[in-house]
């Protein structure tokens, strides 16, 4: 088997910042030597390309081919997003050079027992005061529905808003009352945030542990982790302030909350904890920064690539 072409190794400063997220909006992003530049009316900012883990390109951003070239050389992930990452439109290569997270996700997903085990951990992340050990999938869904319904009622009581249940008609945002519109807008933004992080880490958006059958099943799983903690309370706050311009005000409020709570970094930690639970403090992360390709052998062993493992007679076939 032939070896893949190696990319330039990363500097220690980049390794220290792997997973670090840089964002730019309403600027022109270009290249100056080994740095990328962000230019606007106030001047030009130089950002060493080796310090960029993920670059989020927000509204009003233009980026040149040369800038993308240097980011590709350093292995950075680039994603086109809404304000402060609240929507995900498109992305390039993943941040990680390793398939460790993707392989862990596929392994956990492919086994029925480990798949429900991850679903239980997700439930515990959402509701840490409850132990879901031993619960079936149907029981998990029932308890999750009860907790979310109770969250709606609690937030309605807190804000003094009337609550007549969750109502949403796909494709018709205005069909719901103001608080339902705010909940829908917040959910859509959370999906964008989760999608950006999942793509940046190189995970499969479609291999979900709670949701299934959709190309974004894992994205929906991750977004739901923060529904009762961030999304629903914020939606009720926005609706309580005014019924005007609910959608855009919710997106702006959530954008600010995401910034304040450093939600993107929290998503990264949670995904790694879910998929690589036995890695203390993710000790395997340095391997994500190197090009390491192996060949699968027997009994779960991997051997080095770029080596001919045939006998002398067989080697003539290579």
C-alpha atoms as a PDB file:
ATOM      1  CA  UNK A   1       0.000   0.000   0.000  1.00  0.00           C
ATOM      2  CA  UNK A   2       1.329   3.443  -0.816  1.00  0.00           C
ATOM      3  CA  UNK A   3       1.777   6.047   1.860  1.00  0.00           C
ATOM      4  CA  UNK A   4      -0.203   9.255   1.756  1.00  0.00           C
ATOM      5  CA  UNK A   5       1.519  12.536   1.171  1.00  0.00           C
ATOM      6  CA  UNK A   6       2.346  14.099   4.515  1.00  0.00           C
ATOM      7  CA  UNK A   7       1.373  17.634   5.401  1.00  0.00           C
ATOM      8  CA  UNK A   8       3.762  19.974   7.165  1.00  0.00           C
ATOM      9  CA  UNK A   9       4.055  19.167  10.863  1.00  0.00           C
ATOM     10  CA  UNK A  10       2.465  21.664  13.198  1.00  0.00           C
ATOM     11  CA  UNK A  11       4.354  23.921  15.544  1.00  0.00           C
ATOM     12  CA  UNK A  12       4.120  23.546  19.313  1.00  0.00           C
ATOM     13  CA  UNK A  13       2.041  26.726  19.460  1.00  0.00           C
ATOM     14  CA  UNK A  14      -0.540  25.179  17.140  1.00  0.00           C
ATOM     15  CA  UNK A  15      -0.573  21.924  19.059  1.00  0.00           C
ATOM     16  CA  UNK A  16      -1.263  23.900  22.206  1.00  0.00           C
ATOM     17  CA  UNK A  17      -4.210  25.582  20.508  1.00  0.00           C
ATOM     18  CA  UNK A  18      -5.715  22.623  18.667  1.00  0.00           C
ATOM     19  CA  UNK A  19      -9.448  23.036  19.010  1.00  0.00           C
ATOM     20  CA  UNK A  20      -8.974  26.794  19.458  1.00  0.00           C
ATOM     21  CA  UNK A  21     -11.573  28.758  17.519  1.00  0.00           C
ATOM     22  CA  UNK A  22     -10.974  32.029  15.684  1.00  0.00           C
ATOM     23  CA  UNK A  23     -13.797  33.938  14.038  1.00  0.00           C
ATOM     24  CA  UNK A  24     -13.966  36.808  11.600  1.00  0.00           C
ATOM     25  CA  UNK A  25     -16.863  38.791  10.170  1.00  0.00           C
ATOM     26  CA  UNK A  26     -17.280  41.764   7.870  1.00  0.00           C
ATOM     27  CA  UNK A  27     -13.629  41.570   6.902  1.00  0.00           C
ATOM     28  CA  UNK A  28     -11.493  40.494   3.979  1.00  0.00           C
ATOM     29  CA  UNK A  29      -9.248  37.575   4.893  1.00  0.00           C
ATOM     30  CA  UNK A  30      -6.000  37.296   2.936  1.00  0.00           C
ATOM     31  CA  UNK A  31      -2.470  35.930   3.323  1.00  0.00           C
ATOM     32  CA  UNK A  32       0.764  37.641   4.247  1.00  0.00           C
ATOM     33  CA  UNK A  33       3.671  35.169   4.239  1.00  0.00           C
ATOM     34  CA  UNK A  34       2.711  32.470   6.774  1.00  0.00           C
ATOM     35  CA  UNK A  35       0.039  34.576   8.449  1.00  0.00           C
ATOM     36  CA  UNK A  36      -3.546  35.270   7.515  1.00  0.00           C
ATOM     37  CA  UNK A  37      -4.779  38.831   7.618  1.00  0.00           C
ATOM     38  CA  UNK A  38      -8.194  40.194   8.498  1.00  0.00           C
ATOM     39  CA  UNK A  39      -8.741  43.617   6.937  1.00  0.00           C
ATOM     40  CA  UNK A  40     -11.562  46.069   7.580  1.00  0.00           C
ATOM     41  CA  UNK A  41     -12.038  49.850   7.718  1.00  0.00           C
ATOM     42  CA  UNK A  42     -10.062  50.053  10.979  1.00  0.00           C
ATOM     43  CA  UNK A  43      -6.959  48.373   9.575  1.00  0.00           C
ATOM     44  CA  UNK A  44      -5.343  44.985   9.168  1.00  0.00           C
ATOM     45  CA  UNK A  45      -4.891  42.314  11.825  1.00  0.00           C
ATOM     46  CA  UNK A  46      -2.256  39.615  11.362  1.00  0.00           C
ATOM     47  CA  UNK A  47      -3.000  36.144  12.738  1.00  0.00           C
ATOM     48  CA  UNK A  48      -0.239  33.487  12.625  1.00  0.00           C
ATOM     49  CA  UNK A  49      -1.776  30.645  10.665  1.00  0.00           C
ATOM     50  CA  UNK A  50      -0.238  28.011  12.948  1.00  0.00           C
ATOM     51  CA  UNK A  51      -2.298  29.337  15.879  1.00  0.00           C
ATOM     52  CA  UNK A  52      -5.621  28.804  14.122  1.00  0.00           C
ATOM     53  CA  UNK A  53      -7.435  25.574  14.945  1.00  0.00           C
ATOM     54  CA  UNK A  54     -10.808  26.431  13.433  1.00  0.00           C
ATOM     55  CA  UNK A  55     -11.625  29.603  11.493  1.00  0.00           C
ATOM     56  CA  UNK A  56     -15.287  30.590  11.472  1.00  0.00           C
ATOM     57  CA  UNK A  57     -16.167  32.915   8.595  1.00  0.00           C
ATOM     58  CA  UNK A  58     -19.130  35.039   9.616  1.00  0.00           C
ATOM     59  CA  UNK A  59     -21.423  37.406   7.681  1.00  0.00           C
ATOM     60  CA  UNK A  60     -19.735  39.903   5.375  1.00  0.00           C
ATOM     61  CA  UNK A  61     -16.486  37.938   5.182  1.00  0.00           C
ATOM     62  CA  UNK A  62     -14.489  37.529   1.993  1.00  0.00           C
ATOM     63  CA  UNK A  63     -11.534  35.157   1.836  1.00  0.00           C
ATOM     64  CA  UNK A  64      -8.887  34.775  -0.852  1.00  0.00           C
ATOM     65  CA  UNK A  65      -7.487  31.646  -2.441  1.00  0.00           C
ATOM     66  CA  UNK A  66      -4.075  32.395  -0.897  1.00  0.00           C
ATOM     67  CA  UNK A  67      -5.584  32.552   2.586  1.00  0.00           C
ATOM     68  CA  UNK A  68      -7.280  29.191   2.082  1.00  0.00           C
ATOM     69  CA  UNK A  69      -3.980  27.812   0.797  1.00  0.00           C
ATOM     70  CA  UNK A  70      -2.028  28.653   3.946  1.00  0.00           C
ATOM     71  CA  UNK A  71      -4.847  27.410   6.171  1.00  0.00           C
ATOM     72  CA  UNK A  72      -4.838  24.143   4.255  1.00  0.00           C
ATOM     73  CA  UNK A  73      -1.095  23.794   4.698  1.00  0.00           C
ATOM     74  CA  UNK A  74      -1.425  24.076   8.480  1.00  0.00           C
ATOM     75  CA  UNK A  75      -4.427  21.743   8.657  1.00  0.00           C
ATOM     76  CA  UNK A  76      -6.911  24.318   9.954  1.00  0.00           C
ATOM     77  CA  UNK A  77     -10.644  23.785   9.633  1.00  0.00           C
ATOM     78  CA  UNK A  78     -12.666  26.515   7.931  1.00  0.00           C
ATOM     79  CA  UNK A  79     -16.434  26.857   8.269  1.00  0.00           C
ATOM     80  CA  UNK A  80     -18.890  29.402   6.891  1.00  0.00           C
ATOM     81  CA  UNK A  81     -21.315  30.312   9.662  1.00  0.00           C
ATOM     82  CA  UNK A  82     -23.855  32.893  10.826  1.00  0.00           C
ATOM     83  CA  UNK A  83     -23.232  35.509  13.511  1.00  0.00           C
ATOM     84  CA  UNK A  84     -20.968  33.991  16.195  1.00  0.00           C
ATOM     85  CA  UNK A  85     -21.492  30.540  14.742  1.00  0.00           C
ATOM     86  CA  UNK A  86     -25.250  30.337  15.363  1.00  0.00           C
ATOM     87  CA  UNK A  87     -25.786  28.845  11.898  1.00  0.00           C
ATOM     88  CA  UNK A  88     -23.626  26.487   9.873  1.00  0.00           C
ATOM     89  CA  UNK A  89     -23.678  26.879   6.088  1.00  0.00           C
ATOM     90  CA  UNK A  90     -20.659  25.000   4.784  1.00  0.00           C
ATOM     91  CA  UNK A  91     -17.264  23.725   5.835  1.00  0.00           C
ATOM     92  CA  UNK A  92     -13.980  22.438   4.523  1.00  0.00           C
ATOM     93  CA  UNK A  93     -11.664  19.819   5.967  1.00  0.00           C
ATOM     94  CA  UNK A  94     -11.953  18.738   9.573  1.00  0.00           C
ATOM     95  CA  UNK A  95      -9.619  20.199  12.170  1.00  0.00           C
ATOM     96  CA  UNK A  96      -8.269  16.796  13.211  1.00  0.00           C
ATOM     97  CA  UNK A  97      -5.739  14.897  11.137  1.00  0.00           C
ATOM     98  CA  UNK A  98      -6.619  11.752  13.044  1.00  0.00           C
ATOM     99  CA  UNK A  99      -9.666   9.551  12.501  1.00  0.00           C
ATOM    100  CA  UNK A 100      -9.718   8.644  16.218  1.00  0.00           C
ATOM    101  CA  UNK A 101     -12.979  10.438  17.003  1.00  0.00           C
ATOM    102  CA  UNK A 102     -14.695   9.249  13.824  1.00  0.00           C
ATOM    103  CA  UNK A 103     -13.595   5.652  14.421  1.00  0.00           C
ATOM    104  CA  UNK A 104     -14.686   5.852  18.063  1.00  0.00           C
ATOM    105  CA  UNK A 105     -18.061   7.219  17.000  1.00  0.00           C
ATOM    106  CA  UNK A 106     -18.563   4.480  14.417  1.00  0.00           C
ATOM    107  CA  UNK A 107     -17.478   1.788  16.891  1.00  0.00           C
ATOM    108  CA  UNK A 108     -19.821   3.036  19.618  1.00  0.00           C
ATOM    109  CA  UNK A 109     -22.660   3.414  17.135  1.00  0.00           C
ATOM    110  CA  UNK A 110     -22.261  -0.008  15.503  1.00  0.00           C
ATOM    111  CA  UNK A 111     -22.756  -1.924  18.752  1.00  0.00           C
ATOM    112  CA  UNK A 112     -26.294  -1.933  20.177  1.00  0.00           C
ATOM    113  CA  UNK A 113     -25.100  -1.975  23.792  1.00  0.00           C
ATOM    114  CA  UNK A 114     -22.539   0.798  23.445  1.00  0.00           C
ATOM    115  CA  UNK A 115     -24.989   2.882  21.421  1.00  0.00           C
ATOM    116  CA  UNK A 116     -27.537   2.943  24.234  1.00  0.00           C
ATOM    117  CA  UNK A 117     -24.726   3.466  26.751  1.00  0.00           C
ATOM    118  CA  UNK A 118     -23.781   6.693  24.950  1.00  0.00           C
ATOM    119  CA  UNK A 119     -27.456   7.712  24.881  1.00  0.00           C
ATOM    120  CA  UNK A 120     -27.581   7.258  28.667  1.00  0.00           C
ATOM    121  CA  UNK A 121     -24.462   9.397  29.105  1.00  0.00           C
ATOM    122  CA  UNK A 122     -26.090  12.096  26.960  1.00  0.00           C
ATOM    123  CA  UNK A 123     -29.147  11.966  29.211  1.00  0.00           C
ATOM    124  CA  UNK A 124     -26.939  12.309  32.301  1.00  0.00           C
ATOM    125  CA  UNK A 125     -25.191  15.331  30.770  1.00  0.00           C
ATOM    126  CA  UNK A 126     -28.573  17.008  30.297  1.00  0.00           C
ATOM    127  CA  UNK A 127     -30.023  16.008  33.660  1.00  0.00           C
ATOM    128  CA  UNK A 128     -27.152  15.328  36.095  1.00  0.00           C
ATOM    129  CA  UNK A 129     -29.530  14.925  39.051  1.00  0.00           C
ATOM    130  CA  UNK A 130     -30.892  11.678  37.603  1.00  0.00           C
ATOM    131  CA  UNK A 131     -29.200   8.312  37.016  1.00  0.00           C
ATOM    132  CA  UNK A 132     -30.365   6.707  33.740  1.00  0.00           C
ATOM    133  CA  UNK A 133     -28.410   3.470  34.265  1.00  0.00           C
ATOM    134  CA  UNK A 134     -30.446   0.480  33.171  1.00  0.00           C
ATOM    135  CA  UNK A 135     -33.133   2.485  31.413  1.00  0.00           C
ATOM    136  CA  UNK A 136     -34.367   1.198  28.057  1.00  0.00           C
ATOM    137  CA  UNK A 137     -34.549   3.465  25.044  1.00  0.00           C
ATOM    138  CA  UNK A 138     -38.300   3.848  25.451  1.00  0.00           C
ATOM    139  CA  UNK A 139     -37.852   4.785  29.106  1.00  0.00           C
ATOM    140  CA  UNK A 140     -35.153   7.311  28.190  1.00  0.00           C
ATOM    141  CA  UNK A 141     -37.438   8.934  25.632  1.00  0.00           C
ATOM    142  CA  UNK A 142     -40.292   9.063  28.130  1.00  0.00           C
ATOM    143  CA  UNK A 143     -38.209  10.636  30.872  1.00  0.00           C
ATOM    144  CA  UNK A 144     -36.635  13.112  28.449  1.00  0.00           C
ATOM    145  CA  UNK A 145     -40.094  14.163  27.271  1.00  0.00           C
ATOM    146  CA  UNK A 146     -41.258  14.668  30.853  1.00  0.00           C
ATOM    147  CA  UNK A 147     -38.186  16.728  31.765  1.00  0.00           C
ATOM    148  CA  UNK A 148     -38.533  18.966  28.700  1.00  0.00           C
ATOM    149  CA  UNK A 149     -42.255  19.441  29.318  1.00  0.00           C
ATOM    150  CA  UNK A 150     -41.524  20.383  32.937  1.00  0.00           C
ATOM    151  CA  UNK A 151     -38.856  22.814  31.708  1.00  0.00           C
ATOM    152  CA  UNK A 152     -41.406  24.569  29.498  1.00  0.00           C
ATOM    153  CA  UNK A 153     -43.810  24.905  32.422  1.00  0.00           C
ATOM    154  CA  UNK A 154     -41.105  26.131  34.803  1.00  0.00           C
ATOM    155  CA  UNK A 155     -39.911  28.799  32.356  1.00  0.00           C
ATOM    156  CA  UNK A 156     -43.492  29.918  31.713  1.00  0.00           C
ATOM    157  CA  UNK A 157     -44.016  30.307  35.460  1.00  0.00           C
ATOM    158  CA  UNK A 158     -40.726  32.168  35.841  1.00  0.00           C
ATOM    159  CA  UNK A 159     -41.433  34.664  33.054  1.00  0.00           C
ATOM    160  CA  UNK A 160     -45.200  34.916  33.543  1.00  0.00           C
ATOM    161  CA  UNK A 161     -45.919  33.908  29.954  1.00  0.00           C
ATOM    162  CA  UNK A 162     -48.957  31.777  29.080  1.00  0.00           C
ATOM    163  CA  UNK A 163     -48.003  28.290  27.924  1.00  0.00           C
ATOM    164  CA  UNK A 164     -50.324  26.106  25.899  1.00  0.00           C
ATOM    165  CA  UNK A 165     -47.828  23.523  24.714  1.00  0.00           C
ATOM    166  CA  UNK A 166     -45.192  23.235  22.009  1.00  0.00           C
ATOM    167  CA  UNK A 167     -46.551  24.012  18.564  1.00  0.00           C
ATOM    168  CA  UNK A 168     -44.492  24.201  15.391  1.00  0.00           C
ATOM    169  CA  UNK A 169     -45.486  23.714  11.773  1.00  0.00           C
ATOM    170  CA  UNK A 170     -42.479  22.879   9.579  1.00  0.00           C
ATOM    171  CA  UNK A 171     -42.025  25.572   6.952  1.00  0.00           C
ATOM    172  CA  UNK A 172     -44.366  28.011   8.693  1.00  0.00           C
ATOM    173  CA  UNK A 173     -42.394  29.856  11.378  1.00  0.00           C
ATOM    174  CA  UNK A 174     -45.203  32.319  12.140  1.00  0.00           C
ATOM    175  CA  UNK A 175     -47.795  29.632  12.863  1.00  0.00           C
ATOM    176  CA  UNK A 176     -46.826  29.488  16.542  1.00  0.00           C
ATOM    177  CA  UNK A 177     -47.267  32.071  19.269  1.00  0.00           C
ATOM    178  CA  UNK A 178     -44.293  34.334  20.147  1.00  0.00           C
ATOM    179  CA  UNK A 179     -42.741  31.975  22.689  1.00  0.00           C
ATOM    180  CA  UNK A 180     -43.013  29.017  20.298  1.00  0.00           C
ATOM    181  CA  UNK A 181     -41.379  31.105  17.581  1.00  0.00           C
ATOM    182  CA  UNK A 182     -38.534  31.958  19.958  1.00  0.00           C
ATOM    183  CA  UNK A 183     -38.061  28.293  20.893  1.00  0.00           C
ATOM    184  CA  UNK A 184     -37.934  27.349  17.200  1.00  0.00           C
ATOM    185  CA  UNK A 185     -35.409  30.094  16.397  1.00  0.00           C
ATOM    186  CA  UNK A 186     -33.214  29.073  19.337  1.00  0.00           C
ATOM    187  CA  UNK A 187     -33.325  25.417  18.304  1.00  0.00           C
ATOM    188  CA  UNK A 188     -32.308  26.236  14.732  1.00  0.00           C
ATOM    189  CA  UNK A 189     -29.352  28.249  15.996  1.00  0.00           C
ATOM    190  CA  UNK A 190     -28.261  25.466  18.333  1.00  0.00           C
ATOM    191  CA  UNK A 191     -28.316  23.034  15.403  1.00  0.00           C
ATOM    192  CA  UNK A 192     -25.951  25.361  13.541  1.00  0.00           C
ATOM    193  CA  UNK A 193     -23.546  25.540  16.469  1.00  0.00           C
ATOM    194  CA  UNK A 194     -23.542  21.772  16.928  1.00  0.00           C
ATOM    195  CA  UNK A 195     -23.060  21.180  13.189  1.00  0.00           C
ATOM    196  CA  UNK A 196     -20.053  23.500  13.065  1.00  0.00           C
ATOM    197  CA  UNK A 197     -18.364  21.692  15.955  1.00  0.00           C
ATOM    198  CA  UNK A 198     -19.181  18.184  14.707  1.00  0.00           C
ATOM    199  CA  UNK A 199     -17.769  19.037  11.271  1.00  0.00           C
ATOM    200  CA  UNK A 200     -14.666  20.654  12.758  1.00  0.00           C
ATOM    201  CA  UNK A 201     -13.864  17.550  14.794  1.00  0.00           C
ATOM    202  CA  UNK A 202     -14.258  15.239  11.803  1.00  0.00           C
ATOM    203  CA  UNK A 203     -17.177  13.278  13.269  1.00  0.00           C
ATOM    204  CA  UNK A 204     -20.020  11.886  11.179  1.00  0.00           C
ATOM    205  CA  UNK A 205     -23.109  14.136  11.359  1.00  0.00           C
ATOM    206  CA  UNK A 206     -25.364  11.202  10.488  1.00  0.00           C
ATOM    207  CA  UNK A 207     -24.398   8.584  13.113  1.00  0.00           C
ATOM    208  CA  UNK A 208     -26.639   9.552  16.010  1.00  0.00           C
ATOM    209  CA  UNK A 209     -27.130   7.800  19.345  1.00  0.00           C
ATOM    210  CA  UNK A 210     -30.601   9.176  20.123  1.00  0.00           C
ATOM    211  CA  UNK A 211     -31.776  10.468  16.744  1.00  0.00           C
ATOM    212  CA  UNK A 212     -31.657   8.187  13.720  1.00  0.00           C
ATOM    213  CA  UNK A 213     -32.290   8.106   9.997  1.00  0.00           C
ATOM    214  CA  UNK A 214     -31.335  11.711   9.205  1.00  0.00           C
ATOM    215  CA  UNK A 215     -28.106  13.041   7.745  1.00  0.00           C
ATOM    216  CA  UNK A 216     -27.748  15.273  10.846  1.00  0.00           C
ATOM    217  CA  UNK A 217     -28.759  12.784  13.548  1.00  0.00           C
ATOM    218  CA  UNK A 218     -25.577  13.279  15.619  1.00  0.00           C
ATOM    219  CA  UNK A 219     -25.859  17.060  15.215  1.00  0.00           C
ATOM    220  CA  UNK A 220     -29.373  16.898  16.669  1.00  0.00           C
ATOM    221  CA  UNK A 221     -28.078  14.743  19.531  1.00  0.00           C
ATOM    222  CA  UNK A 222     -25.419  17.303  20.451  1.00  0.00           C
ATOM    223  CA  UNK A 223     -27.702  20.329  20.084  1.00  0.00           C
ATOM    224  CA  UNK A 224     -30.234  18.764  22.443  1.00  0.00           C
ATOM    225  CA  UNK A 225     -27.612  18.597  25.210  1.00  0.00           C
ATOM    226  CA  UNK A 226     -28.071  22.335  25.739  1.00  0.00           C
ATOM    227  CA  UNK A 227     -31.805  22.670  25.090  1.00  0.00           C
ATOM    228  CA  UNK A 228     -33.056  22.908  28.678  1.00  0.00           C
ATOM    229  CA  UNK A 229     -29.899  24.603  29.943  1.00  0.00           C
ATOM    230  CA  UNK A 230     -29.590  27.412  27.389  1.00  0.00           C
ATOM    231  CA  UNK A 231     -32.066  27.331  24.500  1.00  0.00           C
ATOM    232  CA  UNK A 232     -35.461  27.137  26.208  1.00  0.00           C
ATOM    233  CA  UNK A 233     -34.789  29.616  29.076  1.00  0.00           C
ATOM    234  CA  UNK A 234     -33.366  32.148  26.624  1.00  0.00           C
ATOM    235  CA  UNK A 235     -36.370  31.770  24.295  1.00  0.00           C
ATOM    236  CA  UNK A 236     -38.790  32.533  27.128  1.00  0.00           C
ATOM    237  CA  UNK A 237     -36.705  35.562  28.158  1.00  0.00           C
ATOM    238  CA  UNK A 238     -36.808  36.968  24.621  1.00  0.00           C
ATOM    239  CA  UNK A 239     -40.550  36.374  24.255  1.00  0.00           C
ATOM    240  CA  UNK A 240     -41.203  37.990  27.637  1.00  0.00           C
ATOM    241  CA  UNK A 241     -39.428  41.175  26.574  1.00  0.00           C
ATOM    242  CA  UNK A 242     -41.499  41.812  23.446  1.00  0.00           C
ATOM    243  CA  UNK A 243     -43.477  40.049  20.739  1.00  0.00           C
ATOM    244  CA  UNK A 244     -41.815  42.095  18.008  1.00  0.00           C
ATOM    245  CA  UNK A 245     -39.143  40.663  15.722  1.00  0.00           C
ATOM    246  CA  UNK A 246     -38.943  37.426  17.706  1.00  0.00           C
ATOM    247  CA  UNK A 247     -36.743  35.474  15.286  1.00  0.00           C
ATOM    248  CA  UNK A 248     -33.893  37.941  14.881  1.00  0.00           C
ATOM    249  CA  UNK A 249     -33.907  38.994  18.536  1.00  0.00           C
ATOM    250  CA  UNK A 250     -33.671  35.367  19.618  1.00  0.00           C
ATOM    251  CA  UNK A 251     -30.741  34.744  17.275  1.00  0.00           C
ATOM    252  CA  UNK A 252     -28.902  37.818  18.542  1.00  0.00           C
ATOM    253  CA  UNK A 253     -29.550  36.934  22.180  1.00  0.00           C
ATOM    254  CA  UNK A 254     -28.383  33.361  21.648  1.00  0.00           C
ATOM    255  CA  UNK A 255     -25.315  34.595  19.782  1.00  0.00           C
ATOM    256  CA  UNK A 256     -24.335  36.628  22.836  1.00  0.00           C
ATOM    257  CA  UNK A 257     -25.096  33.774  25.235  1.00  0.00           C
ATOM    258  CA  UNK A 258     -22.949  31.399  23.205  1.00  0.00           C
ATOM    259  CA  UNK A 259     -20.091  33.864  23.454  1.00  0.00           C
ATOM    260  CA  UNK A 260     -20.568  34.411  27.185  1.00  0.00           C
ATOM    261  CA  UNK A 261     -20.742  30.713  28.039  1.00  0.00           C
ATOM    262  CA  UNK A 262     -18.024  29.634  25.584  1.00  0.00           C
ATOM    263  CA  UNK A 263     -20.441  27.041  24.264  1.00  0.00           C
ATOM    264  CA  UNK A 264     -18.306  26.065  21.264  1.00  0.00           C
ATOM    265  CA  UNK A 265     -15.476  24.948  23.541  1.00  0.00           C
ATOM    266  CA  UNK A 266     -17.975  23.141  25.766  1.00  0.00           C
ATOM    267  CA  UNK A 267     -19.317  21.253  22.735  1.00  0.00           C
ATOM    268  CA  UNK A 268     -15.813  20.100  21.858  1.00  0.00           C
ATOM    269  CA  UNK A 269     -15.214  18.778  25.373  1.00  0.00           C
ATOM    270  CA  UNK A 270     -18.579  17.043  25.557  1.00  0.00           C
ATOM    271  CA  UNK A 271     -18.164  15.275  22.215  1.00  0.00           C
ATOM    272  CA  UNK A 272     -14.706  14.021  23.149  1.00  0.00           C
ATOM    273  CA  UNK A 273     -15.969  12.852  26.542  1.00  0.00           C
ATOM    274  CA  UNK A 274     -18.836  10.982  24.864  1.00  0.00           C
ATOM    275  CA  UNK A 275     -16.787   9.255  22.184  1.00  0.00           C
ATOM    276  CA  UNK A 276     -13.474   8.772  24.002  1.00  0.00           C
ATOM    277  CA  UNK A 277     -14.544   8.328  27.638  1.00  0.00           C
ATOM    278  CA  UNK A 278     -11.514   6.221  28.579  1.00  0.00           C
ATOM    279  CA  UNK A 279      -8.960   8.827  27.512  1.00  0.00           C
ATOM    280  CA  UNK A 280      -8.017  10.836  30.634  1.00  0.00           C
ATOM    281  CA  UNK A 281      -8.083  14.499  29.689  1.00  0.00           C
ATOM    282  CA  UNK A 282      -7.971  13.255  26.076  1.00  0.00           C
ATOM    283  CA  UNK A 283      -4.358  12.137  26.330  1.00  0.00           C
ATOM    284  CA  UNK A 284      -4.520  10.992  22.722  1.00  0.00           C
ATOM    285  CA  UNK A 285      -5.047  14.497  21.379  1.00  0.00           C
ATOM    286  CA  UNK A 286      -1.413  15.109  20.299  1.00  0.00           C
ATOM    287  CA  UNK A 287      -1.864  12.297  17.765  1.00  0.00           C
ATOM    288  CA  UNK A 288      -4.533  14.397  16.087  1.00  0.00           C
ATOM    289  CA  UNK A 289      -1.817  16.749  14.890  1.00  0.00           C
ATOM    290  CA  UNK A 290       0.254  14.194  12.994  1.00  0.00           C
ATOM    291  CA  UNK A 291      -0.254  12.315   9.759  1.00  0.00           C
ATOM    292  CA  UNK A 292      -0.345   8.706  10.887  1.00  0.00           C
ATOM    293  CA  UNK A 293      -1.679   6.081   8.481  1.00  0.00           C
ATOM    294  CA  UNK A 294      -1.702   2.401   9.403  1.00  0.00           C
ATOM    295  CA  UNK A 295      -2.944  -0.818   7.810  1.00  0.00           C
ATOM    296  CA  UNK A 296      -5.443  -3.091   9.526  1.00  0.00           C
ATOM    297  CA  UNK A 297      -4.084  -6.527  10.342  1.00  0.00           C
ATOM    298  CA  UNK A 298      -5.526  -9.473  12.293  1.00  0.00           C
ATOM    299  CA  UNK A 299      -6.767  -9.571  15.907  1.00  0.00           C
ATOM    300  CA  UNK A 300      -7.408  -5.822  15.976  1.00  0.00           C
ATOM    301  CA  UNK A 301      -3.771  -4.922  15.323  1.00  0.00           C
ATOM    302  CA  UNK A 302      -2.612  -2.081  13.067  1.00  0.00           C
ATOM    303  CA  UNK A 303       0.718  -2.137  11.256  1.00  0.00           C
ATOM    304  CA  UNK A 304       2.731   0.561   9.533  1.00  0.00           C
ATOM    305  CA  UNK A 305       1.747   1.652   6.044  1.00  0.00           C
ATOM    306  CA  UNK A 306       4.171   2.118   3.181  1.00  0.00           C
ATOM    307  CA  UNK A 307       5.668  -1.318   3.857  1.00  0.00           C
ATOM    308  CA  UNK A 308       5.476  -4.406   1.637  1.00  0.00           C
ATOM    309  CA  UNK A 309       4.333  -7.308   3.811  1.00  0.00           C
ATOM    310  CA  UNK A 310       4.491  -9.964   1.078  1.00  0.00           C
ATOM    311  CA  UNK A 311       6.969 -12.809   0.807  1.00  0.00           C
ATOM    312  CA  UNK A 312       9.810 -12.449  -1.649  1.00  0.00           C
ATOM    313  CA  UNK A 313       7.723 -14.094  -4.397  1.00  0.00           C
ATOM    314  CA  UNK A 314       4.640 -12.050  -3.614  1.00  0.00           C
ATOM    315  CA  UNK A 315       6.619  -8.834  -3.508  1.00  0.00           C
ATOM    316  CA  UNK A 316       7.131  -9.011  -7.246  1.00  0.00           C
ATOM    317  CA  UNK A 317       3.458  -8.244  -7.661  1.00  0.00           C
ATOM    318  CA  UNK A 318       3.794  -4.831  -5.987  1.00  0.00           C
END
